[in-house]
Amino acid sequence: MKECQLKRKTWYDRDAVERKFVEGDLVMVLATPKQNKLEVNWIEPGKLVSLVVEEVSDDIEGDAEIPYPDKQCTKFDYHEILRESQLQLKLSPSQIDELKQVITKIKDVFSPDPGTTHLMRMDIELISDKPIKIRPYRMSPRQINILREEIKRLLELGVIEIGQSDYTSPLILVESPNKDPRPCVDYRRLNEITRAEFSPLCQIWKR
């Protein structure tokens, strides 16, 4: 058995190149995935603190300082941006007051929470009267808890409402590396029977 293993290793390692690292080198860090055990998550380069071999291991006091990416980088706080904008270095006091009044008046535009509109309503016209009913997809308990929290949040914001319908489309959870899970609705079956609307666009120079 060992002889067979040695032959296979010699065969598969024939093009292998030996790499040696020294303390202080920058290497890519393989982070332990938390969302999906099969996901490979490479993060930004980290500095090699100490070399550890198979036979001897050195105890390192404290955790290595690895520059993990900020998962909340896509979210922002309107009030924090206003405080850190340093407007006094670029504008006069009267201009700052005027700008703050305008921004405060339309602060909902800068909110990270989704909103609704009452200005118009969109109707979806179908080419078939047969209802589309799709059962929910199977998910892990962790994904189910994430969807429940998101549904609860959207209900509290008034973005969605509980309804009764013959049409059902399943929810899916889109998970990308270094980003928060994003719930989406799988409307592919419904889109197949939706009548497309075409509206002619006028040429820009004729406006």
Protein backbone atom coordinates (compact mmCIF):
# COMPACT_ATOMS: atom_id res chain seq x y z
CA MET A 1 0.00 0.00 0.00
CA LYS A 2 2.79 2.44 0.91
CA GLU A 3 4.65 1.57 -2.29
CA CYS A 4 1.53 2.33 -4.33
CA GLN A 5 1.06 5.64 -2.51
CA LEU A 6 4.68 6.58 -3.16
CA LYS A 7 4.32 5.85 -6.88
CA ARG A 8 1.13 7.91 -7.14
CA LYS A 9 2.66 10.81 -5.23
CA THR A 10 5.73 10.74 -7.46
CA TRP A 11 3.52 10.75 -10.55
CA TYR A 12 1.19 13.56 -9.51
CA ASP A 13 3.96 15.71 -7.99
CA ARG A 14 6.21 15.57 -11.04
CA ASP A 15 5.37 19.20 -11.98
CA ALA A 16 5.15 20.48 -8.41
CA VAL A 17 7.32 23.45 -7.44
CA GLU A 18 8.63 23.81 -3.91
CA ARG A 19 7.71 27.09 -2.31
CA LYS A 20 9.34 28.50 0.78
CA PHE A 21 8.07 31.37 2.90
CA VAL A 22 9.79 33.49 5.49
CA GLU A 23 8.39 35.56 8.32
CA GLY A 24 7.02 38.86 7.06
CA ASP A 25 5.88 37.58 3.65
CA LEU A 26 2.38 38.53 2.49
CA VAL A 27 0.19 35.52 1.71
CA MET A 28 -3.46 35.07 0.78
CA VAL A 29 -5.54 33.94 3.76
CA LEU A 30 -8.08 31.14 3.42
CA ALA A 31 -10.88 32.15 5.78
CA THR A 32 -13.08 29.54 7.42
CA PRO A 33 -16.45 29.76 5.63
CA LYS A 34 -19.39 30.18 7.97
CA GLN A 35 -22.28 30.25 5.53
CA ASN A 36 -21.48 27.28 3.33
CA LYS A 37 -19.00 24.58 4.32
CA LEU A 38 -18.15 23.97 0.66
CA GLU A 39 -17.38 27.62 -0.05
CA VAL A 40 -13.77 28.72 -0.49
CA ASN A 41 -13.28 32.25 0.73
CA TRP A 42 -9.95 33.95 0.02
CA ILE A 43 -9.49 37.29 1.76
CA GLU A 44 -6.92 40.05 1.58
CA PRO A 45 -3.21 39.27 2.05
CA GLY A 46 -2.04 38.77 5.61
CA LYS A 47 1.48 38.99 7.02
CA LEU A 48 3.17 35.69 7.88
CA VAL A 49 3.79 35.87 11.63
CA SER A 50 5.49 32.55 12.25
CA LEU A 51 6.34 29.36 10.35
CA VAL A 52 4.71 26.14 11.57
CA VAL A 53 5.73 22.70 10.25
CA GLU A 54 4.02 19.36 10.67
CA GLU A 55 6.28 18.05 13.45
CA VAL A 56 6.79 21.25 15.48
CA SER A 57 4.26 23.95 16.23
CA ASP A 58 4.85 27.28 17.92
CA ASP A 59 2.28 28.77 20.27
CA ILE A 60 1.27 32.24 19.18
CA GLU A 61 -0.16 34.44 21.92
CA GLY A 62 -3.24 36.26 20.78
CA ASP A 63 -5.03 36.16 17.46
CA ALA A 64 -3.35 37.26 14.27
CA GLU A 65 -4.55 40.64 13.08
CA ILE A 66 -6.06 39.82 9.70
CA PRO A 67 -7.68 42.72 7.80
CA TYR A 68 -11.12 41.20 7.31
CA PRO A 69 -13.28 43.12 4.83
CA ASP A 70 -16.16 45.13 6.23
CA LYS A 71 -19.40 43.29 5.50
CA GLN A 72 -21.46 46.42 6.14
CA CYS A 73 -19.63 48.54 3.57
CA THR A 74 -22.77 48.89 1.41
CA LYS A 75 -24.78 50.44 4.26
CA PHE A 76 -24.39 54.01 5.45
CA ASP A 77 -25.82 56.26 8.11
CA TYR A 78 -27.25 59.56 6.91
CA HIS A 79 -26.50 61.38 10.19
CA GLU A 80 -22.96 60.00 10.36
CA ILE A 81 -22.21 61.14 6.82
CA LEU A 82 -23.54 64.59 7.66
CA ARG A 83 -21.32 64.83 10.76
CA GLU A 84 -18.15 63.63 9.02
CA SER A 85 -18.60 65.60 5.82
CA GLN A 86 -16.43 68.52 7.10
CA LEU A 87 -18.54 71.04 5.22
CA GLN A 88 -17.04 73.92 7.20
CA LEU A 89 -13.81 73.50 5.23
CA LYS A 90 -15.51 74.00 1.88
CA LEU A 91 -18.64 76.11 2.41
CA SER A 92 -19.67 79.22 4.29
CA PRO A 93 -21.95 78.95 7.36
CA SER A 94 -24.98 80.16 5.39
CA GLN A 95 -24.32 77.63 2.62
CA ILE A 96 -23.95 74.85 5.18
CA ASP A 97 -27.30 75.72 6.79
CA GLU A 98 -28.99 75.84 3.40
CA LEU A 99 -27.51 72.48 2.37
CA LYS A 100 -28.50 70.84 5.66
CA GLN A 101 -32.09 72.03 5.21
CA VAL A 102 -32.25 70.53 1.72
CA ILE A 103 -30.69 67.22 2.81
CA THR A 104 -32.93 66.98 5.87
CA LYS A 105 -36.00 67.63 3.71
CA ILE A 106 -35.19 64.69 1.43
CA LYS A 107 -33.38 62.47 3.95
CA ASP A 108 -35.60 59.51 3.00
CA VAL A 109 -33.72 59.38 -0.31
CA PHE A 110 -30.53 58.50 1.58
CA SER A 111 -32.11 55.84 3.78
CA PRO A 112 -30.71 52.28 3.50
CA ASP A 113 -34.22 50.90 4.10
CA PRO A 114 -36.45 50.22 1.08
CA GLY A 115 -39.49 52.41 0.61
CA THR A 116 -42.77 52.54 -1.31
CA THR A 117 -44.51 55.01 -3.58
CA HIS A 118 -48.13 56.09 -3.92
CA LEU A 119 -47.65 57.94 -7.21
CA MET A 120 -48.42 55.02 -9.50
CA ARG A 121 -49.43 51.38 -9.58
CA MET A 122 -48.12 48.72 -11.94
CA ASP A 123 -50.43 46.00 -13.24
CA ILE A 124 -49.04 42.72 -14.59
CA GLU A 125 -50.95 41.32 -17.57
CA LEU A 126 -50.70 37.55 -18.09
CA ILE A 127 -51.15 35.52 -21.28
CA SER A 128 -52.54 32.52 -19.38
CA ASP A 129 -55.24 32.16 -16.73
CA LYS A 130 -53.64 29.09 -15.19
CA PRO A 131 -52.26 30.02 -11.76
CA ILE A 132 -48.57 29.46 -11.06
CA LYS A 133 -48.05 27.55 -7.83
CA ILE A 134 -44.53 26.55 -6.80
CA ARG A 135 -43.69 24.98 -3.48
CA PRO A 136 -41.01 26.56 -1.29
CA TYR A 137 -37.46 25.36 -1.82
CA ARG A 138 -35.74 23.35 0.87
CA MET A 139 -33.40 25.41 3.03
CA SER A 140 -31.26 24.99 6.10
CA PRO A 141 -32.51 26.19 9.50
CA ARG A 142 -30.02 29.06 9.35
CA GLN A 143 -31.38 30.26 6.00
CA ILE A 144 -34.97 29.93 7.22
CA ASN A 145 -34.20 32.13 10.24
CA ILE A 146 -32.61 34.77 7.98
CA LEU A 147 -35.68 34.83 5.73
CA ARG A 148 -38.03 35.09 8.70
CA GLU A 149 -36.15 38.07 10.09
CA GLU A 150 -36.13 39.79 6.69
CA ILE A 151 -39.85 39.18 6.14
CA LYS A 152 -40.57 40.56 9.61
CA ARG A 153 -38.50 43.67 8.87
CA LEU A 154 -40.22 44.31 5.52
CA LEU A 155 -43.65 43.88 7.13
CA GLU A 156 -42.76 46.44 9.80
CA LEU A 157 -41.53 48.88 7.11
CA GLY A 158 -44.77 48.45 5.17
CA VAL A 159 -42.97 47.34 2.02
CA ILE A 160 -44.84 44.03 1.83
CA GLU A 161 -48.17 42.82 3.15
CA ILE A 162 -49.83 39.50 3.87
CA GLY A 163 -52.13 38.51 1.02
CA GLN A 164 -54.20 35.65 -0.37
CA SER A 165 -53.46 34.63 -3.95
CA ASP A 166 -53.57 31.61 -6.25
CA TYR A 167 -50.07 32.51 -7.46
CA THR A 168 -47.11 31.51 -5.32
CA SER A 169 -43.40 31.94 -6.02
CA PRO A 170 -40.67 30.65 -3.70
CA LEU A 171 -38.11 32.71 -1.86
CA ILE A 172 -34.41 32.09 -2.34
CA LEU A 173 -31.44 33.34 -0.37
CA VAL A 174 -28.60 34.75 -2.46
CA GLU A 175 -25.32 34.52 -0.58
CA SER A 176 -22.14 36.09 -1.92
CA PRO A 177 -18.69 36.16 -0.29
CA ASN A 178 -18.13 39.11 2.08
CA LYS A 179 -21.74 40.29 1.68
CA ASP A 180 -24.89 39.92 3.72
CA PRO A 181 -27.43 37.31 2.53
CA ARG A 182 -29.98 38.83 0.15
CA PRO A 183 -33.51 37.35 -0.05
CA CYS A 184 -35.00 37.23 -3.56
CA VAL A 185 -38.19 35.86 -5.10
CA ASP A 186 -37.95 33.34 -7.93
CA TYR A 187 -40.41 34.81 -10.47
CA ARG A 188 -39.10 32.86 -13.48
CA ARG A 189 -42.27 30.80 -13.96
CA LEU A 190 -44.44 33.89 -13.61
CA ASN A 191 -42.27 35.83 -16.05
CA GLU A 192 -42.84 33.13 -18.68
CA ILE A 193 -46.57 33.94 -18.84
CA THR A 194 -46.25 37.71 -18.41
CA ARG A 195 -47.18 39.81 -21.42
CA ALA A 196 -44.29 42.07 -22.34
CA GLU A 197 -45.05 45.77 -22.72
CA PHE A 198 -43.21 47.80 -25.33
CA SER A 199 -43.19 51.59 -25.21
CA PRO A 200 -41.53 53.67 -27.95
CA LEU A 201 -38.88 56.07 -26.72
CA CYS A 202 -38.58 59.45 -28.34
CA GLN A 203 -35.20 60.55 -29.62
CA ILE A 204 -33.27 62.75 -27.20
CA TRP A 205 -32.61 65.58 -29.66
CA LYS A 206 -36.37 65.88 -30.39
CA ARG A 207 -37.29 66.68 -26.82
